[in-house]
N, C-alpha and C. Protein backbone atom coordinates (compact mmCIF):
# COMPACT_ATOMS: atom_id res chain seq x y z
N MET A 1 239.26 99.90 -61.07
CA MET A 1 239.87 98.70 -61.36
C MET A 1 240.42 97.92 -60.04
N LYS A 2 241.41 98.79 -59.26
CA LYS A 2 241.77 98.24 -58.28
C LYS A 2 240.85 97.76 -57.36
N THR A 3 239.59 98.27 -57.13
CA THR A 3 238.70 97.81 -56.17
C THR A 3 238.15 96.46 -56.58
N THR A 4 238.10 96.37 -58.10
CA THR A 4 237.40 94.99 -58.55
C THR A 4 238.48 93.83 -58.37
N ILE A 5 239.65 94.28 -58.65
CA ILE A 5 240.70 93.13 -58.40
C ILE A 5 240.79 92.87 -56.76
N LEU A 6 240.64 93.80 -56.07
CA LEU A 6 240.80 93.68 -54.44
C LEU A 6 239.58 92.80 -54.12
N SER A 7 238.43 93.19 -54.55
CA SER A 7 237.11 92.37 -54.34
C SER A 7 237.31 91.03 -54.74
N ILE A 8 237.73 90.61 -55.68
CA ILE A 8 237.84 89.31 -56.29
C ILE A 8 238.82 88.34 -55.57
N ALA A 9 239.93 89.21 -55.08
CA ALA A 9 241.03 88.59 -54.25
C ALA A 9 240.30 88.15 -52.94
N MET A 10 239.61 89.09 -52.26
CA MET A 10 239.02 88.72 -51.10
C MET A 10 238.01 87.72 -51.14
N MET A 11 237.27 87.46 -52.25
CA MET A 11 236.30 86.64 -52.42
C MET A 11 236.90 85.09 -52.59
N LEU A 12 238.10 85.06 -53.16
CA LEU A 12 238.79 83.97 -53.52
C LEU A 12 239.23 83.54 -52.22
N ILE A 13 239.89 84.42 -51.33
CA ILE A 13 240.46 83.93 -50.09
C ILE A 13 239.29 83.44 -49.15
N ALA A 14 238.13 84.02 -49.27
CA ALA A 14 237.03 83.57 -48.43
C ALA A 14 236.76 82.16 -48.82
N VAL A 15 236.49 81.94 -50.06
CA VAL A 15 236.24 80.66 -50.57
C VAL A 15 237.28 79.54 -50.18
N LEU A 16 238.41 79.83 -50.35
CA LEU A 16 239.54 78.93 -50.17
C LEU A 16 239.56 78.70 -48.46
N THR A 17 239.33 79.62 -47.78
CA THR A 17 239.18 79.34 -46.26
C THR A 17 238.03 78.39 -45.87
N TYR A 18 236.93 78.83 -46.48
CA TYR A 18 235.85 77.82 -46.25
C TYR A 18 235.96 76.43 -46.84
N ALA A 19 236.64 76.29 -47.96
CA ALA A 19 236.84 74.84 -48.50
C ALA A 19 237.61 74.25 -47.47
N GLN A 20 238.62 74.77 -46.76
CA GLN A 20 239.55 73.95 -46.09
C GLN A 20 238.83 73.50 -44.61
N ASP A 21 237.67 74.20 -44.29
CA ASP A 21 237.02 73.72 -42.94
C ASP A 21 236.15 72.72 -43.32
N LYS A 22 236.05 71.99 -44.33
CA LYS A 22 235.24 70.78 -44.51
C LYS A 22 235.52 69.51 -43.84
N ASN A 23 236.77 69.41 -43.46
CA ASN A 23 237.39 68.04 -42.89
C ASN A 23 237.20 68.34 -41.38
N LYS A 24 236.65 67.31 -40.75
CA LYS A 24 236.61 67.23 -39.31
C LYS A 24 237.10 66.01 -38.69
N LYS A 25 237.97 66.21 -37.55
CA LYS A 25 238.29 65.08 -36.95
C LYS A 25 237.63 64.77 -35.84
N LEU A 26 237.43 63.37 -35.70
CA LEU A 26 236.46 62.91 -34.54
C LEU A 26 237.19 61.74 -33.83
N THR A 27 236.81 61.60 -32.59
CA THR A 27 237.38 60.32 -31.97
C THR A 27 236.14 59.89 -30.85
N PHE A 28 235.99 58.62 -31.10
CA PHE A 28 234.98 57.96 -30.23
C PHE A 28 235.16 56.58 -29.77
N ASP A 29 234.46 56.15 -28.81
CA ASP A 29 234.78 54.65 -28.46
C ASP A 29 233.97 53.63 -29.20
N VAL A 30 234.70 52.62 -29.50
CA VAL A 30 234.02 51.61 -30.24
C VAL A 30 234.67 50.24 -29.64
N ASN A 31 233.70 49.37 -29.15
CA ASN A 31 234.02 48.06 -28.60
C ASN A 31 234.62 46.94 -29.48
N GLY A 32 235.63 46.35 -28.97
CA GLY A 32 236.22 45.30 -29.97
C GLY A 32 237.44 44.80 -29.03
N LYS A 33 238.27 43.73 -29.61
CA LYS A 33 239.37 43.12 -28.88
C LYS A 33 240.55 43.13 -29.51
N CYS A 34 240.72 42.74 -30.88
CA CYS A 34 241.73 42.21 -31.51
C CYS A 34 242.06 43.05 -33.04
N ALA A 35 243.07 42.42 -33.68
CA ALA A 35 243.43 43.00 -34.99
C ALA A 35 242.24 42.81 -35.94
N MET A 36 241.73 41.70 -35.86
CA MET A 36 240.38 41.51 -36.69
C MET A 36 239.43 42.43 -36.49
N CYS A 37 239.06 42.89 -35.16
CA CYS A 37 238.14 43.88 -34.75
C CYS A 37 238.60 45.27 -35.43
N LYS A 38 239.84 45.35 -35.42
CA LYS A 38 240.57 46.65 -36.05
C LYS A 38 240.31 46.76 -37.37
N GLU A 39 240.53 45.68 -38.05
CA GLU A 39 240.28 45.64 -39.51
C GLU A 39 238.77 45.91 -39.90
N ARG A 40 237.90 45.18 -39.22
CA ARG A 40 236.50 45.41 -39.54
C ARG A 40 235.87 46.74 -39.23
N ILE A 41 236.37 47.29 -37.93
CA ILE A 41 235.92 48.63 -37.58
C ILE A 41 236.34 49.57 -38.49
N GLU A 42 237.54 49.61 -39.04
CA GLU A 42 238.18 50.58 -39.76
C GLU A 42 237.60 50.51 -41.16
N LYS A 43 237.41 49.25 -41.57
CA LYS A 43 236.77 49.09 -43.07
C LYS A 43 235.41 49.56 -43.22
N ALA A 44 234.61 49.44 -41.99
CA ALA A 44 233.26 50.02 -42.02
C ALA A 44 233.18 51.39 -41.96
N ALA A 45 234.06 52.05 -41.30
CA ALA A 45 234.08 53.39 -41.22
C ALA A 45 234.64 54.04 -42.58
N LEU A 46 235.61 53.24 -43.15
CA LEU A 46 235.84 53.87 -44.49
C LEU A 46 234.96 53.78 -45.65
N ASN A 47 234.07 52.74 -45.52
CA ASN A 47 233.02 52.63 -46.57
C ASN A 47 231.99 53.55 -46.51
N VAL A 48 231.76 54.47 -45.49
CA VAL A 48 230.77 55.50 -45.31
C VAL A 48 231.54 56.56 -46.18
N LYS A 49 230.74 57.03 -47.14
CA LYS A 49 231.02 58.15 -48.13
C LYS A 49 231.47 59.39 -47.24
N GLY A 50 232.68 60.04 -47.54
CA GLY A 50 232.94 61.07 -46.92
C GLY A 50 234.18 60.93 -45.75
N VAL A 51 234.21 59.62 -45.57
CA VAL A 51 235.25 59.25 -44.58
C VAL A 51 236.56 59.28 -45.11
N LYS A 52 237.74 59.98 -44.72
CA LYS A 52 238.88 59.97 -45.59
C LYS A 52 239.95 59.19 -44.72
N TYR A 53 239.51 59.03 -43.40
CA TYR A 53 240.75 58.32 -42.51
C TYR A 53 240.17 57.69 -41.40
N ALA A 54 240.35 56.57 -41.15
CA ALA A 54 239.98 55.77 -39.88
C ALA A 54 240.87 54.91 -39.22
N ASN A 55 241.23 55.11 -38.11
CA ASN A 55 242.17 54.27 -37.28
C ASN A 55 241.66 53.94 -35.72
N TRP A 56 241.51 52.54 -35.68
CA TRP A 56 241.02 52.08 -34.36
C TRP A 56 242.19 51.67 -33.56
N ASP A 57 242.38 52.19 -32.36
CA ASP A 57 243.48 51.85 -31.48
C ASP A 57 242.90 50.82 -30.42
N ILE A 58 243.66 49.45 -30.43
CA ILE A 58 243.11 48.43 -29.78
C ILE A 58 243.07 48.64 -28.22
N PRO A 59 244.04 48.99 -27.61
CA PRO A 59 244.16 49.18 -26.15
C PRO A 59 243.19 50.20 -25.63
N SER A 60 242.95 51.37 -26.31
CA SER A 60 242.09 52.46 -25.82
C SER A 60 240.68 52.36 -26.40
N HIS A 61 240.43 51.60 -27.42
CA HIS A 61 239.17 51.30 -28.01
C HIS A 61 238.60 52.71 -28.73
N GLN A 62 239.53 53.49 -29.06
CA GLN A 62 239.14 54.65 -29.58
C GLN A 62 239.35 54.76 -31.08
N LEU A 63 238.37 55.03 -31.85
CA LEU A 63 238.47 55.33 -33.25
C LEU A 63 238.67 56.63 -33.55
N SER A 64 239.64 57.05 -34.37
CA SER A 64 239.93 58.41 -34.92
C SER A 64 239.41 58.39 -36.31
N VAL A 65 238.74 59.29 -36.66
CA VAL A 65 238.38 59.57 -38.11
C VAL A 65 238.49 60.92 -38.72
N ILE A 66 238.69 61.15 -39.93
CA ILE A 66 238.56 62.45 -40.51
C ILE A 66 237.73 62.35 -41.49
N MET A 67 236.77 63.13 -41.51
CA MET A 67 235.63 62.99 -42.41
C MET A 67 235.26 64.28 -43.07
N ASP A 68 234.58 64.28 -44.28
CA ASP A 68 234.09 65.54 -44.82
C ASP A 68 232.66 65.90 -44.34
N GLU A 69 232.63 66.80 -43.48
CA GLU A 69 231.20 67.25 -42.97
C GLU A 69 230.11 67.26 -44.05
N ARG A 70 230.51 67.70 -45.26
CA ARG A 70 229.46 68.00 -46.30
C ARG A 70 228.81 66.68 -46.64
N LYS A 71 229.42 65.52 -46.52
CA LYS A 71 229.10 64.24 -46.98
C LYS A 71 228.71 63.36 -45.93
N THR A 72 229.08 63.37 -44.66
CA THR A 72 228.54 62.52 -43.69
C THR A 72 228.58 63.01 -42.25
N ASP A 73 228.19 62.32 -41.28
CA ASP A 73 228.16 62.81 -39.87
C ASP A 73 228.57 61.64 -39.22
N ALA A 74 228.74 61.97 -37.64
CA ALA A 74 229.30 60.83 -36.78
C ALA A 74 228.29 59.77 -36.71
N MET A 75 226.99 60.02 -36.81
CA MET A 75 225.90 58.87 -36.55
C MET A 75 225.99 58.01 -37.80
N LYS A 76 226.44 58.56 -38.92
CA LYS A 76 226.45 57.66 -40.09
C LYS A 76 227.47 56.53 -39.76
N ILE A 77 228.63 57.14 -39.25
CA ILE A 77 229.71 56.27 -39.14
C ILE A 77 229.50 55.26 -38.01
N LYS A 78 228.94 55.64 -36.98
CA LYS A 78 228.58 54.87 -35.95
C LYS A 78 227.60 53.80 -36.35
N THR A 79 226.60 54.09 -37.17
CA THR A 79 225.57 53.20 -37.55
C THR A 79 226.19 51.97 -38.49
N ALA A 80 227.30 52.44 -39.43
CA ALA A 80 227.99 51.45 -40.21
C ALA A 80 228.79 50.47 -39.29
N ILE A 81 229.47 51.03 -38.16
CA ILE A 81 230.16 50.34 -37.18
C ILE A 81 229.29 49.25 -36.50
N VAL A 82 228.01 49.59 -36.15
CA VAL A 82 227.31 48.79 -35.20
C VAL A 82 226.79 47.60 -36.27
N ALA A 83 226.47 47.94 -37.67
CA ALA A 83 226.16 46.95 -38.70
C ALA A 83 227.10 45.90 -38.76
N VAL A 84 228.39 46.08 -38.44
CA VAL A 84 229.17 45.00 -38.57
C VAL A 84 229.68 44.30 -37.17
N GLY A 85 228.82 44.70 -36.26
CA GLY A 85 228.99 43.87 -34.91
C GLY A 85 229.47 44.55 -33.62
N HIS A 86 229.93 45.94 -33.75
CA HIS A 86 230.69 46.47 -32.70
C HIS A 86 229.96 47.68 -32.15
N ASP A 87 229.80 47.68 -30.80
CA ASP A 87 228.93 48.66 -30.14
C ASP A 87 229.63 49.92 -30.11
N THR A 88 228.98 51.22 -29.89
CA THR A 88 229.64 52.46 -29.50
C THR A 88 228.80 52.87 -28.35
N LYS A 89 229.03 54.07 -27.74
CA LYS A 89 228.34 54.44 -26.61
C LYS A 89 226.98 54.79 -26.94
N GLU A 90 226.80 55.22 -28.08
CA GLU A 90 225.44 55.60 -28.46
C GLU A 90 224.47 54.63 -29.11
N LEU A 91 225.13 53.69 -29.85
CA LEU A 91 224.43 52.56 -30.46
C LEU A 91 224.91 51.12 -30.13
N LYS A 92 223.97 50.19 -30.04
CA LYS A 92 224.33 48.82 -29.71
C LYS A 92 224.20 47.90 -31.05
N ALA A 93 225.10 47.07 -31.41
CA ALA A 93 224.97 46.19 -32.46
C ALA A 93 223.87 45.26 -32.27
N THR A 94 223.15 45.01 -33.27
CA THR A 94 221.92 43.95 -33.02
C THR A 94 222.57 42.77 -32.65
N GLU A 95 221.93 41.59 -32.12
CA GLU A 95 222.37 40.21 -31.63
C GLU A 95 222.83 39.75 -33.11
N GLU A 96 222.12 39.67 -33.93
CA GLU A 96 222.55 39.23 -35.39
C GLU A 96 223.89 39.69 -35.87
N ALA A 97 224.09 41.00 -35.66
CA ALA A 97 225.37 41.51 -36.17
C ALA A 97 226.56 41.06 -35.30
N TYR A 98 226.19 41.25 -33.82
CA TYR A 98 227.37 40.81 -33.14
C TYR A 98 227.64 39.26 -33.08
N ASN A 99 226.59 38.50 -33.25
CA ASN A 99 227.01 36.90 -33.54
C ASN A 99 227.61 36.70 -34.71
N SER A 100 227.78 37.60 -35.75
CA SER A 100 228.52 37.36 -36.92
C SER A 100 229.98 37.42 -36.75
N VAL A 101 230.52 38.17 -35.74
CA VAL A 101 232.03 38.38 -35.71
C VAL A 101 232.51 37.16 -35.40
N HIS A 102 233.73 36.98 -35.45
CA HIS A 102 234.41 35.79 -35.04
C HIS A 102 234.47 35.61 -33.52
N PRO A 103 234.57 34.39 -33.28
CA PRO A 103 234.40 34.03 -31.80
C PRO A 103 235.47 34.72 -30.77
N CYS A 104 236.74 34.84 -31.22
CA CYS A 104 237.79 35.64 -30.51
C CYS A 104 237.47 37.16 -30.21
N CYS A 105 236.58 37.74 -31.35
CA CYS A 105 236.17 39.03 -31.26
C CYS A 105 235.02 39.26 -30.33
N LYS A 106 234.47 38.41 -29.57
CA LYS A 106 233.26 38.51 -28.76
C LYS A 106 233.55 39.17 -27.52
N TYR A 107 233.48 40.57 -27.54
CA TYR A 107 233.85 41.70 -26.30
C TYR A 107 232.76 41.61 -25.35
N ARG A 108 231.58 41.20 -25.60
CA ARG A 108 230.41 41.46 -24.64
C ARG A 108 230.59 40.42 -23.60
N GLU A 109 231.17 39.30 -23.88
CA GLU A 109 231.30 38.14 -22.98
C GLU A 109 232.41 38.13 -21.91
N ASP A 110 233.32 39.18 -22.04
CA ASP A 110 234.55 39.39 -21.12
C ASP A 110 234.14 39.31 -19.78
N ASN A 111 232.95 39.70 -19.17
CA ASN A 111 232.65 39.84 -17.74
C ASN A 111 231.66 38.69 -17.36
N SER A 112 231.52 37.69 -18.32
CA SER A 112 230.73 36.45 -17.86
C SER A 112 231.08 35.82 -16.59
N ASP A 113 232.23 35.70 -16.49
CA ASP A 113 232.76 35.17 -15.14
C ASP A 113 232.54 35.86 -13.67
N ASP A 114 232.40 37.19 -13.85
CA ASP A 114 232.16 37.87 -12.73
C ASP A 114 230.63 37.49 -12.26
N GLY A 115 229.84 37.53 -13.05
CA GLY A 115 228.39 37.01 -12.61
C GLY A 115 228.28 35.79 -11.99
N ALA A 116 229.08 34.69 -12.53
CA ALA A 116 228.95 33.44 -12.09
C ALA A 116 229.63 33.28 -10.72
N THR A 117 230.72 34.09 -10.41
CA THR A 117 231.29 33.89 -9.14
C THR A 117 230.85 34.79 -8.09
N HIS A 118 229.96 35.70 -8.40
CA HIS A 118 229.52 36.59 -7.28
C HIS A 118 227.91 36.25 -7.03
N LYS A 119 227.22 35.21 -7.75
CA LYS A 119 225.83 35.02 -7.72
C LYS A 119 225.79 34.07 -6.37
N MET A 120 224.67 34.21 -5.65
CA MET A 120 224.39 33.36 -4.44
C MET A 120 223.17 32.86 -4.38
């Protein structure tokens, strides 16, 4: 009897420990510039099934997420982000998606002056 109770208790502890490991924290780079970008990026990430938390930091361009590994993965989140017009290190938004963002959110054009001043 004691052995049965002990076995059941050990199995319950193992199941609870496994269930707590389902959430994973990730941080990755996402290009953008402003508060509108922040809202768009976080909304895209949160619309991915399994994402529980998303916070994009404007100065560092770092997106922090907490996700359920059983329901999604990092590439699905990055795919959702590029679909709304924001590049990651691994994926680049299509021209159509990029052109759909507000003009003040155009992060790819930041260095356009560099090329004009250095060309000969």
